[in-house]
Amino acid sequence: SRCLETVLNKTRKDLDIVCVNDGSRDDSLKILESYAAKDGRIRIFSKENEGRGAASARNMGLRNAGGKYIQFLDSDDFFEPDMVESLVKKAINTDSEVVICRGRIFDDELRKVTGNLAHPDLEYAPDKESFNWRECPEYICEIADNYAWNKLFRRSLLTDNGLSFTPIPISDDQDISMLAPVLAKKLSVI
């Protein structure tokens, strides 16, 4: 519920919210259905869990997404209220195909932010509104890092290049998270 609330309460309202139920055996589908009944932006897709990590669910979401930009969010994470709006504005203003940001660590027991993630190393990015990997080849892996949740992707960059998540149990987002910034004509950090 917390995850969905943070998506619904965004400052940007024109969202296509694709939710994939990956064969959950808890109340996840019921929660999704109750939210979808209240908000027409939510579309639910269900599939059997294959026991190989989140890749097939993410790929199903990617295949069914309809927006110009795509952002991924796992059910145990949440977005700040202006995150989507800030990333989309940066993408539009710079014509970037990928926009990368940092994240913060939230302690559920303390119910507060307890730190910032040191990665990606955005200080290695060129001091420009947008750039490409050729301007910082020795640092692109530090800038891009291997998370999908901290990036906004232009959907056409992913689909035109056949990028998807690798069906492995962990780190299934490494390929897409590292290849998309290298293939992008322009990327930005925020």
Protein backbone atom coordinates (compact mmCIF):
# COMPACT_ATOMS: atom_id res chain seq x y z
CA SER A 1 0.00 0.00 0.00
CA ARG A 2 2.76 2.46 0.89
CA CYS A 3 4.41 1.91 -2.47
CA LEU A 4 1.19 2.60 -4.39
CA GLU A 5 0.35 5.62 -2.25
CA THR A 6 3.66 7.22 -3.15
CA VAL A 7 2.92 6.74 -6.85
CA LEU A 8 -0.64 8.04 -6.65
CA ASN A 9 0.33 11.09 -4.63
CA LYS A 10 2.84 12.37 -7.17
CA THR A 11 2.94 15.99 -8.22
CA ARG A 12 2.72 14.67 -11.81
CA LYS A 13 -0.74 13.20 -12.34
CA ASP A 14 -0.66 12.02 -15.99
CA LEU A 15 0.73 8.59 -15.23
CA ASP A 16 0.12 5.16 -16.68
CA ILE A 17 0.60 2.95 -13.64
CA VAL A 18 1.37 -0.61 -14.71
CA CYS A 19 1.35 -3.09 -11.84
CA VAL A 20 2.48 -6.66 -12.29
CA ASN A 21 1.35 -9.30 -9.84
CA ASP A 22 4.10 -11.91 -10.07
CA GLY A 23 2.15 -14.86 -8.70
CA SER A 24 1.92 -13.43 -5.20
CA ARG A 25 0.42 -15.65 -2.53
CA ASP A 26 -0.22 -12.85 -0.06
CA ASP A 27 -2.76 -10.02 -0.33
CA SER A 28 -0.84 -8.12 -3.04
CA LEU A 29 -3.41 -8.77 -5.79
CA LYS A 30 -6.29 -7.73 -3.51
CA ILE A 31 -4.44 -4.53 -2.62
CA LEU A 32 -3.79 -3.81 -6.31
CA GLU A 33 -7.43 -4.46 -7.21
CA SER A 34 -8.72 -2.19 -4.45
CA TYR A 35 -6.48 0.65 -5.64
CA ALA A 36 -7.37 0.06 -9.31
CA ALA A 37 -11.07 0.30 -8.42
CA LYS A 38 -10.40 3.80 -7.04
CA ASP A 39 -7.92 5.04 -9.66
CA GLY A 40 -8.32 4.40 -13.39
CA ARG A 41 -4.61 5.03 -14.05
CA ILE A 42 -3.77 1.65 -12.51
CA ARG A 43 -3.61 -1.33 -14.84
CA ILE A 44 -2.93 -4.78 -13.38
CA PHE A 45 -1.25 -7.68 -15.15
CA SER A 46 -0.85 -11.05 -13.47
CA LYS A 47 1.50 -13.90 -14.23
CA GLU A 48 2.76 -17.08 -12.63
CA ASN A 49 5.91 -16.69 -10.58
CA GLU A 50 8.74 -18.52 -12.29
CA GLY A 51 11.07 -18.45 -9.29
CA ARG A 52 13.76 -16.61 -11.23
CA GLY A 53 13.57 -13.12 -9.77
CA ALA A 54 11.74 -9.99 -10.85
CA ALA A 55 12.90 -9.88 -14.49
CA SER A 56 9.87 -11.49 -16.13
CA ALA A 57 7.49 -9.25 -14.15
CA ARG A 58 9.50 -6.16 -15.07
CA ASN A 59 9.57 -7.24 -18.72
CA MET A 60 5.79 -7.73 -18.66
CA GLY A 61 5.42 -4.21 -17.29
CA LEU A 62 7.76 -2.86 -19.95
CA ARG A 63 5.79 -4.58 -22.74
CA ASN A 64 2.52 -3.13 -21.47
CA ALA A 65 3.66 0.39 -20.61
CA GLY A 66 2.17 3.13 -22.74
CA GLY A 67 3.98 6.29 -21.72
CA LYS A 68 6.83 8.14 -23.39
CA TYR A 69 8.95 7.59 -20.27
CA ILE A 70 9.26 4.57 -18.04
CA GLN A 71 10.30 4.31 -14.43
CA PHE A 72 10.46 1.12 -12.40
CA LEU A 73 9.44 0.76 -8.77
CA ASP A 74 9.58 -2.36 -6.63
CA SER A 75 6.86 -3.01 -4.06
CA ASP A 76 9.27 -2.51 -1.15
CA ASP A 77 10.37 0.94 -2.36
CA PHE A 78 8.69 4.29 -2.64
CA PHE A 79 9.12 7.61 -4.47
CA GLU A 80 9.34 11.11 -3.07
CA PRO A 81 6.30 13.23 -4.08
CA ASP A 82 8.16 15.24 -6.73
CA MET A 83 10.51 12.52 -8.01
CA VAL A 84 8.66 11.63 -11.21
CA GLU A 85 7.90 15.28 -11.98
CA SER A 86 11.55 16.29 -11.50
CA LEU A 87 12.91 13.48 -13.66
CA VAL A 88 10.39 14.05 -16.47
CA LYS A 89 11.06 17.81 -16.48
CA LYS A 90 14.79 17.15 -16.72
CA ALA A 91 14.25 14.67 -19.57
CA ILE A 92 12.07 17.12 -21.48
CA ASN A 93 14.27 20.17 -20.86
CA THR A 94 17.47 18.37 -21.91
CA ASP A 95 15.98 15.95 -24.48
CA SER A 96 17.59 13.16 -22.45
CA GLU A 97 16.77 9.53 -23.03
CA VAL A 98 17.92 8.57 -19.52
CA VAL A 99 17.82 10.65 -16.34
CA ILE A 100 19.64 9.28 -13.30
CA CYS A 101 19.19 10.24 -9.65
CA ARG A 102 20.36 9.04 -6.27
CA GLY A 103 18.28 7.40 -3.59
CA ARG A 104 18.02 7.47 0.14
CA ILE A 105 17.94 4.76 2.75
CA PHE A 106 14.72 4.56 4.74
CA ASP A 107 14.65 2.67 8.02
CA ASP A 108 11.22 1.09 8.47
CA GLU A 109 11.66 0.61 12.21
CA LEU A 110 12.72 4.22 12.80
CA ARG A 111 10.25 5.44 10.13
CA LYS A 112 12.75 7.93 8.75
CA VAL A 113 15.51 8.49 6.22
CA THR A 114 18.81 7.39 7.74
CA GLY A 115 21.21 8.17 4.91
CA ASN A 116 21.91 8.76 1.25
CA LEU A 117 23.13 6.11 -1.13
CA ALA A 118 26.67 6.81 -2.25
CA HIS A 119 25.90 5.34 -5.64
CA PRO A 120 25.56 6.29 -8.33
CA ASP A 121 28.62 8.51 -8.25
CA LEU A 122 27.02 11.52 -9.88
CA GLU A 123 30.04 13.71 -9.13
CA TYR A 124 31.80 11.93 -12.02
CA ALA A 125 29.22 13.23 -14.47
CA PRO A 126 30.29 16.12 -16.71
CA ASP A 127 29.16 19.51 -15.42
CA LYS A 128 26.57 19.88 -18.18
CA GLU A 129 22.81 19.67 -18.48
CA SER A 130 23.14 16.57 -20.63
CA PHE A 131 25.97 14.45 -21.99
CA ASN A 132 26.74 11.03 -23.40
CA TRP A 133 29.08 8.27 -22.31
CA ARG A 134 31.81 9.37 -24.73
CA GLU A 135 32.33 12.48 -22.60
CA CYS A 136 33.17 10.37 -19.55
CA PRO A 137 34.04 6.83 -20.74
CA GLU A 138 36.15 6.00 -17.71
CA TYR A 139 33.29 6.89 -15.34
CA ILE A 140 30.10 5.84 -17.12
CA CYS A 141 29.74 2.69 -15.01
CA GLU A 142 30.00 4.73 -11.80
CA ILE A 143 27.45 7.24 -13.10
CA ALA A 144 25.00 4.68 -14.52
CA ASP A 145 25.32 2.13 -11.71
CA ASN A 146 23.25 -1.02 -11.79
CA TYR A 147 19.84 -0.01 -10.46
CA ALA A 148 16.70 0.44 -12.54
CA TRP A 149 14.71 2.24 -9.83
CA ASN A 150 16.88 5.39 -9.93
CA LYS A 151 16.41 6.04 -13.63
CA LEU A 152 13.81 7.46 -15.92
CA PHE A 153 14.07 5.87 -19.37
CA ARG A 154 12.61 7.05 -22.65
CA ARG A 155 10.57 4.01 -23.60
CA SER A 156 11.69 4.13 -27.23
CA LEU A 157 15.35 3.84 -26.16
CA LEU A 158 14.56 0.54 -24.47
CA THR A 159 12.21 -0.87 -27.09
CA ASP A 160 14.17 0.27 -30.17
CA ASN A 161 17.31 -1.37 -28.79
CA GLY A 162 15.59 -4.54 -27.58
CA LEU A 163 16.60 -3.88 -23.97
CA SER A 164 14.91 -5.91 -21.28
CA PHE A 165 15.65 -7.42 -17.91
CA THR A 166 17.83 -10.52 -17.74
CA PRO A 167 15.94 -13.50 -16.26
CA ILE A 168 18.31 -14.27 -13.39
CA PRO A 169 17.51 -14.47 -9.64
CA ILE A 170 19.38 -11.30 -8.58
CA SER A 171 20.80 -8.22 -10.30
CA ASP A 172 18.39 -8.67 -13.20
CA ASP A 173 18.46 -4.91 -13.79
CA GLN A 174 22.22 -4.63 -14.40
CA ASP A 175 22.08 -5.01 -18.17
CA ILE A 176 19.29 -2.51 -18.79
CA SER A 177 20.69 -0.06 -16.23
CA MET A 178 24.18 -0.10 -17.72
CA LEU A 179 23.37 -0.46 -21.43
CA ALA A 180 20.66 2.21 -21.70
CA PRO A 181 22.96 5.05 -20.54
CA VAL A 182 25.63 3.92 -23.01
CA LEU A 183 23.13 3.73 -25.88
CA ALA A 184 21.51 7.06 -25.03
CA LYS A 185 22.41 10.00 -27.25
CA LYS A 186 21.81 12.20 -24.20
CA LEU A 187 21.58 11.46 -20.50
CA SER A 188 21.30 13.68 -17.47
CA VAL A 189 21.73 13.45 -13.76
CA ILE A 190 19.66 15.12 -11.09
